[in-house]
C-alpha atoms as a PDB file:
ATOM      1  CA  MET A   1       0.000   0.000   0.000  1.00  0.00           C
ATOM      2  CA  THR A   2       1.367   3.389  -0.953  1.00  0.00           C
ATOM      3  CA  GLY A   3       1.121   6.557   1.029  1.00  0.00           C
ATOM      4  CA  THR A   4       2.739   8.321   3.914  1.00  0.00           C
ATOM      5  CA  HIS A   5       3.229   6.294   7.095  1.00  0.00           C
ATOM      6  CA  LEU A   6       3.863   7.710  10.521  1.00  0.00           C
ATOM      7  CA  PRO A   7       5.964   5.933  13.185  1.00  0.00           C
ATOM      8  CA  PRO A   8       3.888   3.913  15.654  1.00  0.00           C
ATOM      9  CA  HIS A   9       2.440   5.766  18.636  1.00  0.00           C
ATOM     10  CA  ARG A  10       3.534   9.132  17.251  1.00  0.00           C
ATOM     11  CA  PRO A  11       1.111  11.793  18.413  1.00  0.00           C
ATOM     12  CA  ILE A  12      -0.459  14.030  15.770  1.00  0.00           C
ATOM     13  CA  SER A  13      -0.617  17.685  16.734  1.00  0.00           C
ATOM     14  CA  VAL A  14      -3.105  20.047  15.097  1.00  0.00           C
ATOM     15  CA  SER A  15      -2.998  23.750  15.768  1.00  0.00           C
ATOM     16  CA  PRO A  16      -6.161  25.577  16.986  1.00  0.00           C
ATOM     17  CA  LEU A  17      -6.051  27.685  13.780  1.00  0.00           C
ATOM     18  CA  VAL A  18      -6.413  24.584  11.617  1.00  0.00           C
ATOM     19  CA  VAL A  19      -9.344  23.361  13.723  1.00  0.00           C
ATOM     20  CA  SER A  20     -11.109  26.714  13.401  1.00  0.00           C
ATOM     21  CA  ALA A  21     -10.598  26.779   9.639  1.00  0.00           C
ATOM     22  CA  ALA A  22     -11.959  23.246   9.253  1.00  0.00           C
ATOM     23  CA  ALA A  23     -15.026  24.101  11.349  1.00  0.00           C
ATOM     24  CA  LEU A  24     -15.700  27.188   9.220  1.00  0.00           C
ATOM     25  CA  VAL A  25     -15.504  25.196   5.977  1.00  0.00           C
ATOM     26  CA  ALA A  26     -17.869  22.567   7.388  1.00  0.00           C
ATOM     27  CA  ALA A  27     -20.348  25.245   8.438  1.00  0.00           C
ATOM     28  CA  VAL A  28     -20.292  26.848   4.984  1.00  0.00           C
ATOM     29  CA  LEU A  29     -20.805  23.500   3.256  1.00  0.00           C
ATOM     30  CA  LEU A  30     -23.691  22.686   5.591  1.00  0.00           C
ATOM     31  CA  SER A  31     -25.434  26.000   4.917  1.00  0.00           C
ATOM     32  CA  VAL A  32     -25.040  25.533   1.159  1.00  0.00           C
ATOM     33  CA  ALA A  33     -26.540  22.065   1.424  1.00  0.00           C
ATOM     34  CA  PHE A  34     -29.563  23.385   3.333  1.00  0.00           C
ATOM     35  CA  ALA A  35     -29.982  26.277   0.898  1.00  0.00           C
ATOM     36  CA  GLY A  36     -29.956  23.902  -2.042  1.00  0.00           C
ATOM     37  CA  SER A  37     -32.668  21.792  -0.467  1.00  0.00           C
ATOM     38  CA  ALA A  38     -34.837  24.740   0.696  1.00  0.00           C
ATOM     39  CA  ARG A  39     -38.505  24.027   0.120  1.00  0.00           C
ATOM     40  CA  ALA A  40     -40.435  26.296  -2.252  1.00  0.00           C
ATOM     41  CA  ALA A  41     -44.195  26.732  -2.114  1.00  0.00           C
ATOM     42  CA  ASP A  42     -47.151  27.673  -4.274  1.00  0.00           C
ATOM     43  CA  ALA A  43     -47.133  31.394  -4.936  1.00  0.00           C
ATOM     44  CA  ARG A  44     -49.679  34.202  -5.175  1.00  0.00           C
ATOM     45  CA  VAL A  45     -48.806  37.285  -7.232  1.00  0.00           C
ATOM     46  CA  ALA A  46     -50.767  40.543  -7.253  1.00  0.00           C
ATOM     47  CA  ILE A  47     -51.034  42.541 -10.479  1.00  0.00           C
ATOM     48  CA  GLY A  48     -51.701  46.224  -9.879  1.00  0.00           C
ATOM     49  CA  HIS A  49     -50.126  49.656 -10.248  1.00  0.00           C
ATOM     50  CA  TYR A  50     -48.579  48.333 -13.491  1.00  0.00           C
ATOM     51  CA  ARG A  51     -46.336  45.718 -11.890  1.00  0.00           C
ATOM     52  CA  TRP A  52     -46.127  42.234 -10.380  1.00  0.00           C
ATOM     53  CA  SER A  53     -45.925  42.244  -6.597  1.00  0.00           C
ATOM     54  CA  THR A  54     -43.137  39.623  -6.926  1.00  0.00           C
ATOM     55  CA  PRO A  55     -41.192  40.093 -10.186  1.00  0.00           C
ATOM     56  CA  VAL A  56     -39.287  36.789  -9.801  1.00  0.00           C
ATOM     57  CA  VAL A  57     -41.244  33.820  -8.438  1.00  0.00           C
ATOM     58  CA  HIS A  58     -39.671  30.543  -7.272  1.00  0.00           C
ATOM     59  CA  VAL A  59     -41.652  27.286  -7.120  1.00  0.00           C
ATOM     60  CA  ASP A  60     -40.869  23.583  -7.134  1.00  0.00           C
ATOM     61  CA  LEU A  61     -41.946  21.033  -9.702  1.00  0.00           C
ATOM     62  CA  GLY A  62     -45.703  20.417  -9.747  1.00  0.00           C
ATOM     63  CA  GLN A  63     -46.565  23.558  -7.820  1.00  0.00           C
ATOM     64  CA  HIS A  64     -48.680  26.428  -9.076  1.00  0.00           C
ATOM     65  CA  VAL A  65     -48.718  30.208  -9.299  1.00  0.00           C
ATOM     66  CA  THR A  66     -51.934  32.236  -9.047  1.00  0.00           C
ATOM     67  CA  TRP A  67     -52.082  35.809 -10.280  1.00  0.00           C
ATOM     68  CA  TYR A  68     -54.623  38.220  -8.771  1.00  0.00           C
ATOM     69  CA  TRP A  69     -55.818  41.373 -10.528  1.00  0.00           C
ATOM     70  CA  VAL A  70     -56.020  43.825  -7.611  1.00  0.00           C
ATOM     71  CA  GLY A  71     -56.362  47.114  -9.514  1.00  0.00           C
ATOM     72  CA  PRO A  72     -56.872  49.918  -9.859  1.00  0.00           C
ATOM     73  CA  ASP A  73     -55.499  49.109 -13.327  1.00  0.00           C
ATOM     74  CA  THR A  74     -56.866  45.788 -14.618  1.00  0.00           C
ATOM     75  CA  MET A  75     -56.162  45.881 -18.382  1.00  0.00           C
ATOM     76  CA  HIS A  76     -53.361  43.356 -18.075  1.00  0.00           C
ATOM     77  CA  SER A  77     -52.595  39.825 -19.211  1.00  0.00           C
ATOM     78  CA  VAL A  78     -50.159  37.096 -18.169  1.00  0.00           C
ATOM     79  CA  THR A  79     -48.765  35.972 -21.524  1.00  0.00           C
ATOM     80  CA  GLY A  80     -45.777  33.681 -22.007  1.00  0.00           C
ATOM     81  CA  ASP A  81     -42.965  34.923 -24.242  1.00  0.00           C
ATOM     82  CA  SER A  82     -40.199  32.350 -23.708  1.00  0.00           C
ATOM     83  CA  PRO A  83     -39.898  28.916 -25.399  1.00  0.00           C
ATOM     84  CA  ASN A  84     -41.087  27.187 -22.197  1.00  0.00           C
ATOM     85  CA  ASP A  85     -44.386  29.029 -21.956  1.00  0.00           C
ATOM     86  CA  LEU A  86     -45.532  30.199 -25.390  1.00  0.00           C
ATOM     87  CA  GLY A  87     -48.841  28.398 -24.876  1.00  0.00           C
ATOM     88  CA  ILE A  88     -49.627  30.036 -21.517  1.00  0.00           C
ATOM     89  CA  ASP A  89     -51.970  33.014 -21.729  1.00  0.00           C
ATOM     90  CA  SER A  90     -54.581  34.435 -19.374  1.00  0.00           C
ATOM     91  CA  ASP A  91     -56.398  35.983 -22.351  1.00  0.00           C
ATOM     92  CA  PRO A  92     -56.048  33.703 -25.395  1.00  0.00           C
ATOM     93  CA  GLY A  93     -57.272  35.363 -28.562  1.00  0.00           C
ATOM     94  CA  ASN A  94     -57.931  38.668 -26.794  1.00  0.00           C
ATOM     95  CA  PRO A  95     -55.513  41.475 -27.755  1.00  0.00           C
ATOM     96  CA  GLU A  96     -57.085  43.954 -25.308  1.00  0.00           C
ATOM     97  CA  PRO A  97     -57.577  42.226 -21.942  1.00  0.00           C
ATOM     98  CA  MET A  98     -59.922  43.828 -19.428  1.00  0.00           C
ATOM     99  CA  HIS A  99     -60.723  42.184 -16.100  1.00  0.00           C
ATOM    100  CA  LYS A 100     -62.689  42.970 -12.991  1.00  0.00           C
ATOM    101  CA  VAL A 101     -60.857  43.430  -9.710  1.00  0.00           C
ATOM    102  CA  GLY A 102     -60.542  39.996  -8.108  1.00  0.00           C
ATOM    103  CA  PHE A 103     -60.009  38.067 -11.353  1.00  0.00           C
ATOM    104  CA  THR A 104     -57.485  35.212 -10.993  1.00  0.00           C
ATOM    105  CA  PHE A 105     -55.386  33.050 -13.309  1.00  0.00           C
ATOM    106  CA  THR A 106     -53.560  29.890 -12.177  1.00  0.00           C
ATOM    107  CA  VAL A 107     -50.810  27.871 -13.873  1.00  0.00           C
ATOM    108  CA  VAL A 108     -49.430  24.520 -12.650  1.00  0.00           C
ATOM    109  CA  PHE A 109     -45.775  24.076 -13.628  1.00  0.00           C
ATOM    110  CA  THR A 110     -44.908  20.469 -14.477  1.00  0.00           C
ATOM    111  CA  GLN A 111     -41.544  21.083 -16.163  1.00  0.00           C
ATOM    112  CA  PRO A 112     -38.464  22.725 -14.622  1.00  0.00           C
ATOM    113  CA  GLY A 113     -37.068  25.868 -16.189  1.00  0.00           C
ATOM    114  CA  VAL A 114     -37.424  29.637 -16.434  1.00  0.00           C
ATOM    115  CA  TYR A 115     -40.783  30.958 -17.602  1.00  0.00           C
ATOM    116  CA  GLN A 116     -41.048  34.586 -18.714  1.00  0.00           C
ATOM    117  CA  PHE A 117     -44.302  36.517 -18.992  1.00  0.00           C
ATOM    118  CA  HIS A 118     -45.456  39.945 -20.127  1.00  0.00           C
ATOM    119  CA  CYS A 119     -48.675  41.939 -20.558  1.00  0.00           C
ATOM    120  CA  LYS A 120     -50.044  42.298 -24.081  1.00  0.00           C
ATOM    121  CA  LEU A 121     -50.831  45.973 -23.589  1.00  0.00           C
ATOM    122  CA  HIS A 122     -48.084  47.116 -21.216  1.00  0.00           C
ATOM    123  CA  ASN A 123     -44.562  45.726 -21.619  1.00  0.00           C
ATOM    124  CA  ILE A 124     -43.559  47.180 -18.252  1.00  0.00           C
ATOM    125  CA  VAL A 125     -45.899  44.677 -16.574  1.00  0.00           C
ATOM    126  CA  HIS A 126     -43.789  41.529 -16.665  1.00  0.00           C
ATOM    127  CA  GLY A 127     -42.065  38.895 -14.556  1.00  0.00           C
ATOM    128  CA  GLU A 128     -40.701  35.394 -14.506  1.00  0.00           C
ATOM    129  CA  VAL A 129     -41.284  32.088 -12.761  1.00  0.00           C
ATOM    130  CA  ILE A 130     -38.326  29.848 -11.958  1.00  0.00           C
ATOM    131  CA  VAL A 131     -39.263  26.181 -11.472  1.00  0.00           C
ATOM    132  CA  SER A 132     -36.778  23.857  -9.802  1.00  0.00           C
ATOM    133  CA  ASP A 133     -36.411  20.154 -10.582  1.00  0.00           C
ATOM    134  CA  THR A 134     -37.303  19.266  -6.982  1.00  0.00           C
ATOM    135  CA  PRO A 135     -40.816  17.777  -6.591  1.00  0.00           C
ATOM    136  CA  GLY A 136     -42.961  20.113  -4.504  1.00  0.00           C
ATOM    137  CA  ASN A 137     -46.179  19.955  -2.543  1.00  0.00           C
ATOM    138  CA  PRO A 138     -49.042  21.122  -4.812  1.00  0.00           C
ATOM    139  CA  ASN A 139     -51.217  21.873  -1.763  1.00  0.00           C
ATOM    140  CA  ASP A 140     -48.765  24.190  -0.015  1.00  0.00           C
ATOM    141  CA  ASP A 141     -50.266  27.731  -0.058  1.00  0.00           C
ATOM    142  CA  PRO A 142     -48.547  29.825   2.620  1.00  0.00           C
ATOM    143  CA  ASP A 143     -49.004  33.195   0.891  1.00  0.00           C
ATOM    144  CA  PRO A 144     -52.020  35.305   1.903  1.00  0.00           C
ATOM    145  CA  ILE A 145     -54.568  36.225  -0.745  1.00  0.00           C
ATOM    146  CA  PRO A 146     -53.643  39.703  -2.072  1.00  0.00           C
ATOM    147  CA  LYS A 147     -56.034  42.453  -1.057  1.00  0.00           C
ATOM    148  CA  PRO A 148     -57.615  44.643  -3.754  1.00  0.00           C
ATOM    149  CA  ASN A 149     -56.360  48.185  -4.185  1.00  0.00           C
ATOM    150  CA  VAL A 150     -59.881  49.481  -4.755  1.00  0.00           C
ATOM    151  CA  ASN A 151     -63.105  49.730  -2.811  1.00  0.00           C
ATOM    152  CA  LEU A 152     -65.410  46.803  -3.601  1.00  0.00           C
ATOM    153  CA  THR A 153     -68.350  48.123  -1.581  1.00  0.00           C
ATOM    154  CA  ARG A 154     -71.472  48.694  -3.650  1.00  0.00           C
ATOM    155  CA  PRO A 155     -72.812  52.252  -3.705  1.00  0.00           C
ATOM    156  CA  SER A 156     -76.110  52.994  -2.005  1.00  0.00           C
ATOM    157  CA  LEU A 157     -78.791  55.264  -3.463  1.00  0.00           C
ATOM    158  CA  GLY A 158     -81.374  56.698  -1.106  1.00  0.00           C
ATOM    159  CA  ARG A 159     -83.638  59.618  -0.139  1.00  0.00           C
ATOM    160  CA  ILE A 160     -85.166  59.727  -3.631  1.00  0.00           C
ATOM    161  CA  HIS A 161     -87.646  62.559  -4.020  1.00  0.00           C
ATOM    162  CA  LEU A 162     -89.116  64.505  -6.925  1.00  0.00           C
ATOM    163  CA  SER A 163     -89.471  68.261  -6.494  1.00  0.00           C
ATOM    164  CA  PRO A 164     -92.062  69.153  -7.606  1.00  0.00           C
ATOM    165  CA  GLN A 165     -93.775  65.789  -7.683  1.00  0.00           C
ATOM    166  CA  ARG A 166     -96.362  66.968 -10.208  1.00  0.00           C
ATOM    167  CA  PHE A 167     -94.810  68.284 -13.389  1.00  0.00           C
ATOM    168  CA  GLY A 168     -95.299  68.671 -17.119  1.00  0.00           C
ATOM    169  CA  THR A 169     -93.225  67.788 -20.148  1.00  0.00           C
ATOM    170  CA  ARG A 170     -90.413  70.138 -19.111  1.00  0.00           C
ATOM    171  CA  GLY A 171     -89.436  67.704 -16.375  1.00  0.00           C
ATOM    172  CA  THR A 172     -88.693  68.151 -12.710  1.00  0.00           C
ATOM    173  CA  THR A 173     -85.821  67.903 -10.193  1.00  0.00           C
ATOM    174  CA  LEU A 174     -84.679  64.625  -8.665  1.00  0.00           C
ATOM    175  CA  ASP A 175     -83.270  64.816  -5.140  1.00  0.00           C
ATOM    176  CA  TYR A 176     -81.166  61.827  -4.029  1.00  0.00           C
ATOM    177  CA  ALA A 177     -78.365  60.788  -1.688  1.00  0.00           C
ATOM    178  CA  LEU A 178     -75.245  58.681  -2.355  1.00  0.00           C
ATOM    179  CA  ASP A 179     -72.618  57.169  -0.082  1.00  0.00           C
ATOM    180  CA  ASP A 180     -70.091  56.925  -2.930  1.00  0.00           C
ATOM    181  CA  PRO A 181     -69.535  59.054  -6.077  1.00  0.00           C
ATOM    182  CA  SER A 182     -71.563  57.310  -8.769  1.00  0.00           C
ATOM    183  CA  ALA A 183     -73.275  57.524 -12.120  1.00  0.00           C
ATOM    184  CA  ILE A 184     -76.981  56.719 -12.006  1.00  0.00           C
ATOM    185  CA  ASP A 185     -78.608  54.974 -14.923  1.00  0.00           C
ATOM    186  CA  ALA A 186     -82.342  55.711 -15.084  1.00  0.00           C
ATOM    187  CA  GLU A 187     -84.252  53.292 -17.314  1.00  0.00           C
ATOM    188  CA  ILE A 188     -87.720  54.731 -17.956  1.00  0.00           C
ATOM    189  CA  TRP A 189     -90.788  52.695 -18.923  1.00  0.00           C
ATOM    190  CA  HIS A 190     -94.428  53.448 -19.519  1.00  0.00           C
ATOM    191  CA  LEU A 191     -96.577  52.224 -16.639  1.00  0.00           C
ATOM    192  CA  SER A 192     -99.520  49.972 -17.467  1.00  0.00           C
ATOM    193  CA  ASN A 193    -101.840  48.641 -14.738  1.00  0.00           C
ATOM    194  CA  GLY A 194     -99.117  49.150 -12.158  1.00  0.00           C
ATOM    195  CA  HIS A 195     -96.543  47.194 -14.160  1.00  0.00           C
ATOM    196  CA  ARG A 196     -93.770  47.999 -16.568  1.00  0.00           C
ATOM    197  CA  GLY A 197     -95.112  48.445 -20.084  1.00  0.00           C
ATOM    198  CA  THR A 198     -93.292  49.676 -23.178  1.00  0.00           C
ATOM    199  CA  TYR A 199     -89.815  51.173 -23.043  1.00  0.00           C
ATOM    200  CA  ALA A 200     -89.733  54.975 -23.002  1.00  0.00           C
ATOM    201  CA  GLY A 201     -86.021  55.831 -22.829  1.00  0.00           C
ATOM    202  CA  TRP A 202     -83.185  56.454 -20.421  1.00  0.00           C
ATOM    203  CA  GLN A 203     -81.315  59.194 -18.613  1.00  0.00           C
ATOM    204  CA  GLU A 204     -77.984  59.381 -16.778  1.00  0.00           C
ATOM    205  CA  LEU A 205     -77.158  61.423 -13.697  1.00  0.00           C
ATOM    206  CA  HIS A 206     -73.880  61.908 -11.808  1.00  0.00           C
ATOM    207  CA  GLY A 207     -73.626  62.489  -8.076  1.00  0.00           C
ATOM    208  CA  HIS A 208     -71.132  62.907  -5.256  1.00  0.00           C
ATOM    209  CA  ILE A 209     -71.186  61.670  -1.658  1.00  0.00           C
ATOM    210  CA  GLY A 210     -74.111  63.223   0.185  1.00  0.00           C
ATOM    211  CA  LEU A 211     -77.237  64.984  -1.082  1.00  0.00           C
ATOM    212  CA  ASN A 212     -77.573  65.652  -4.806  1.00  0.00           C
ATOM    213  CA  TYR A 213     -80.136  67.077  -7.172  1.00  0.00           C
ATOM    214  CA  GLY A 214     -80.441  67.181 -10.938  1.00  0.00           C
ATOM    215  CA  PRO A 215     -82.946  67.537 -13.797  1.00  0.00           C
ATOM    216  CA  PHE A 216     -85.116  64.502 -14.358  1.00  0.00           C
ATOM    217  CA  ALA A 217     -87.635  63.372 -16.998  1.00  0.00           C
ATOM    218  CA  SER A 218     -86.912  66.394 -19.159  1.00  0.00           C
ATOM    219  CA  ARG A 219     -86.548  66.283 -22.923  1.00  0.00           C
ATOM    220  CA  GLY A 220     -83.225  64.898 -24.090  1.00  0.00           C
ATOM    221  CA  PRO A 221     -81.607  62.755 -26.783  1.00  0.00           C
ATOM    222  CA  HIS A 222     -82.760  59.511 -25.130  1.00  0.00           C
ATOM    223  CA  PHE A 223     -86.114  60.440 -23.605  1.00  0.00           C
ATOM    224  CA  LYS A 224     -89.053  62.316 -25.099  1.00  0.00           C
ATOM    225  CA  PRO A 225     -91.520  63.181 -22.319  1.00  0.00           C
ATOM    226  CA  ALA A 226     -95.215  62.894 -23.048  1.00  0.00           C
ATOM    227  CA  PRO A 227     -98.232  62.967 -20.740  1.00  0.00           C
ATOM    228  CA  GLY A 228     -98.722  59.644 -19.015  1.00  0.00           C
ATOM    229  CA  ARG A 229     -97.693  57.413 -16.150  1.00  0.00           C
ATOM    230  CA  TYR A 230     -94.137  56.108 -15.941  1.00  0.00           C
ATOM    231  CA  VAL A 231     -91.818  53.999 -13.815  1.00  0.00           C
ATOM    232  CA  ALA A 232     -88.061  54.557 -13.643  1.00  0.00           C
ATOM    233  CA  PHE A 233     -85.477  52.078 -12.382  1.00  0.00           C
ATOM    234  CA  LEU A 234     -82.441  53.887 -10.931  1.00  0.00           C
ATOM    235  CA  THR A 235     -79.151  51.985 -10.637  1.00  0.00           C
ATOM    236  CA  PRO A 236     -75.937  53.537  -9.238  1.00  0.00           C
ATOM    237  CA  THR A 237     -72.466  52.492 -10.442  1.00  0.00           C
ATOM    238  CA  ASP A 238     -69.307  53.862  -8.822  1.00  0.00           C
ATOM    239  CA  ILE A 239     -65.923  54.584 -10.383  1.00  0.00           C
ATOM    240  CA  PHE A 240     -64.733  51.041  -9.612  1.00  0.00           C
ATOM    241  CA  HIS A 241     -67.699  49.548 -11.508  1.00  0.00           C
ATOM    242  CA  ASN A 242     -69.436  48.381  -8.354  1.00  0.00           C
ATOM    243  CA  VAL A 243     -73.186  48.276  -9.030  1.00  0.00           C
ATOM    244  CA  GLY A 244     -75.621  49.187  -6.276  1.00  0.00           C
ATOM    245  CA  ARG A 245     -79.196  48.115  -5.654  1.00  0.00           C
ATOM    246  CA  THR A 246     -81.779  49.316  -8.181  1.00  0.00           C
ATOM    247  CA  ARG A 247     -84.475  51.646  -6.846  1.00  0.00           C
ATOM    248  CA  ARG A 248     -87.932  52.085  -8.338  1.00  0.00           C
ATOM    249  CA  LEU A 249     -89.559  55.491  -8.882  1.00  0.00           C
ATOM    250  CA  ASP A 250     -93.108  55.956 -10.170  1.00  0.00           C
ATOM    251  CA  PHE A 251     -94.141  59.331 -11.607  1.00  0.00           C
ATOM    252  CA  THR A 252     -96.739  60.980 -13.798  1.00  0.00           C
ATOM    253  CA  ILE A 253     -96.215  63.608 -16.479  1.00  0.00           C
ATOM    254  CA  ARG A 254     -99.238  65.853 -16.824  1.00  0.00           C
ATOM    255  CA  GLY A 255    -100.257  67.354 -20.110  1.00  0.00           C
ATOM    256  CA  ALA A 256    -101.435  70.782 -21.345  1.00  0.00           C
ATOM    257  CA  ALA A 257    -105.086  69.701 -21.354  1.00  0.00           C
ATOM    258  CA  HIS A 258    -104.889  69.025 -17.597  1.00  0.00           C
ATOM    259  CA  LYS A 259    -103.409  72.482 -17.006  1.00  0.00           C
ATOM    260  CA  ALA A 260    -106.176  74.098 -19.020  1.00  0.00           C
ATOM    261  CA  ARG A 261    -108.864  72.346 -17.003  1.00  0.00           C
ATOM    262  CA  ARG A 262    -107.205  73.393 -13.754  1.00  0.00           C
ATOM    263  CA  GLY A 263    -106.945  77.001 -14.923  1.00  0.00           C
ATOM    264  CA  HIS A 264    -110.483  77.251 -16.351  1.00  0.00           C
ATOM    265  CA  ARG A 265    -112.951  79.405 -14.449  1.00  0.00           C
ATOM    266  CA  PRO A 266    -116.661  79.494 -15.232  1.00  0.00           C
ATOM    267  CA  ALA A 267    -117.907  82.829 -16.654  1.00  0.00           C
ATOM    268  CA  ARG A 268    -119.710  85.078 -14.237  1.00  0.00           C
ATOM    269  CA  ARG A 269    -123.363  85.745 -14.874  1.00  0.00           C
END
């Protein structure tokens, strides 16, 4: 056998410096080993303010990534642009994506590699997913669900009142209250036996938080007032496209003949 042989019973002396150096090398190797075997997990990524909340996402094999559209900007897509992910697209066949706040898109990654994504409309909205070759737990979801950046509370329309309540073809004033700035769509129908009859037209109003008033049932491009009984359905929608509860408003437009009868006085004898 070849090699270096020491005389029998010869003590081997090792300096404290050598021991310290060996311990340091062992510690470094141990930390590298643990880092290489670190467990990844399923990931949740928020898309909002024209960026990914996590630009570079790490997952293990078989795990998934879920993207959440949190707003206020939601005209974004998750579209693959690298050889690994050319078939991945949150909006296939749609060149102008538009989503509601809260929309989600999930991809399960079954092949290791680097996956790069971009938005069809905004190149600055992009990111990548790095998938290791270590099998992962597909049911491991430690990340919290991203919160929306917008208010999802539906607006409330109340204190509806016509002033005056009896009016002619020139219209009247609608008083109303809102708890959120909103546009109000008023769909107007002829009233027949207490029920909605034929369609008469529509009108749009805009209000702020608090008490509002605006012209109502007056002549416009979408409504031509005529004497008769009507019902309007008023629906508020806020700037985040939250739709509130529809309110019903019955009203009557009086004609010129009615005014003449009210103003007629019998001749004195």
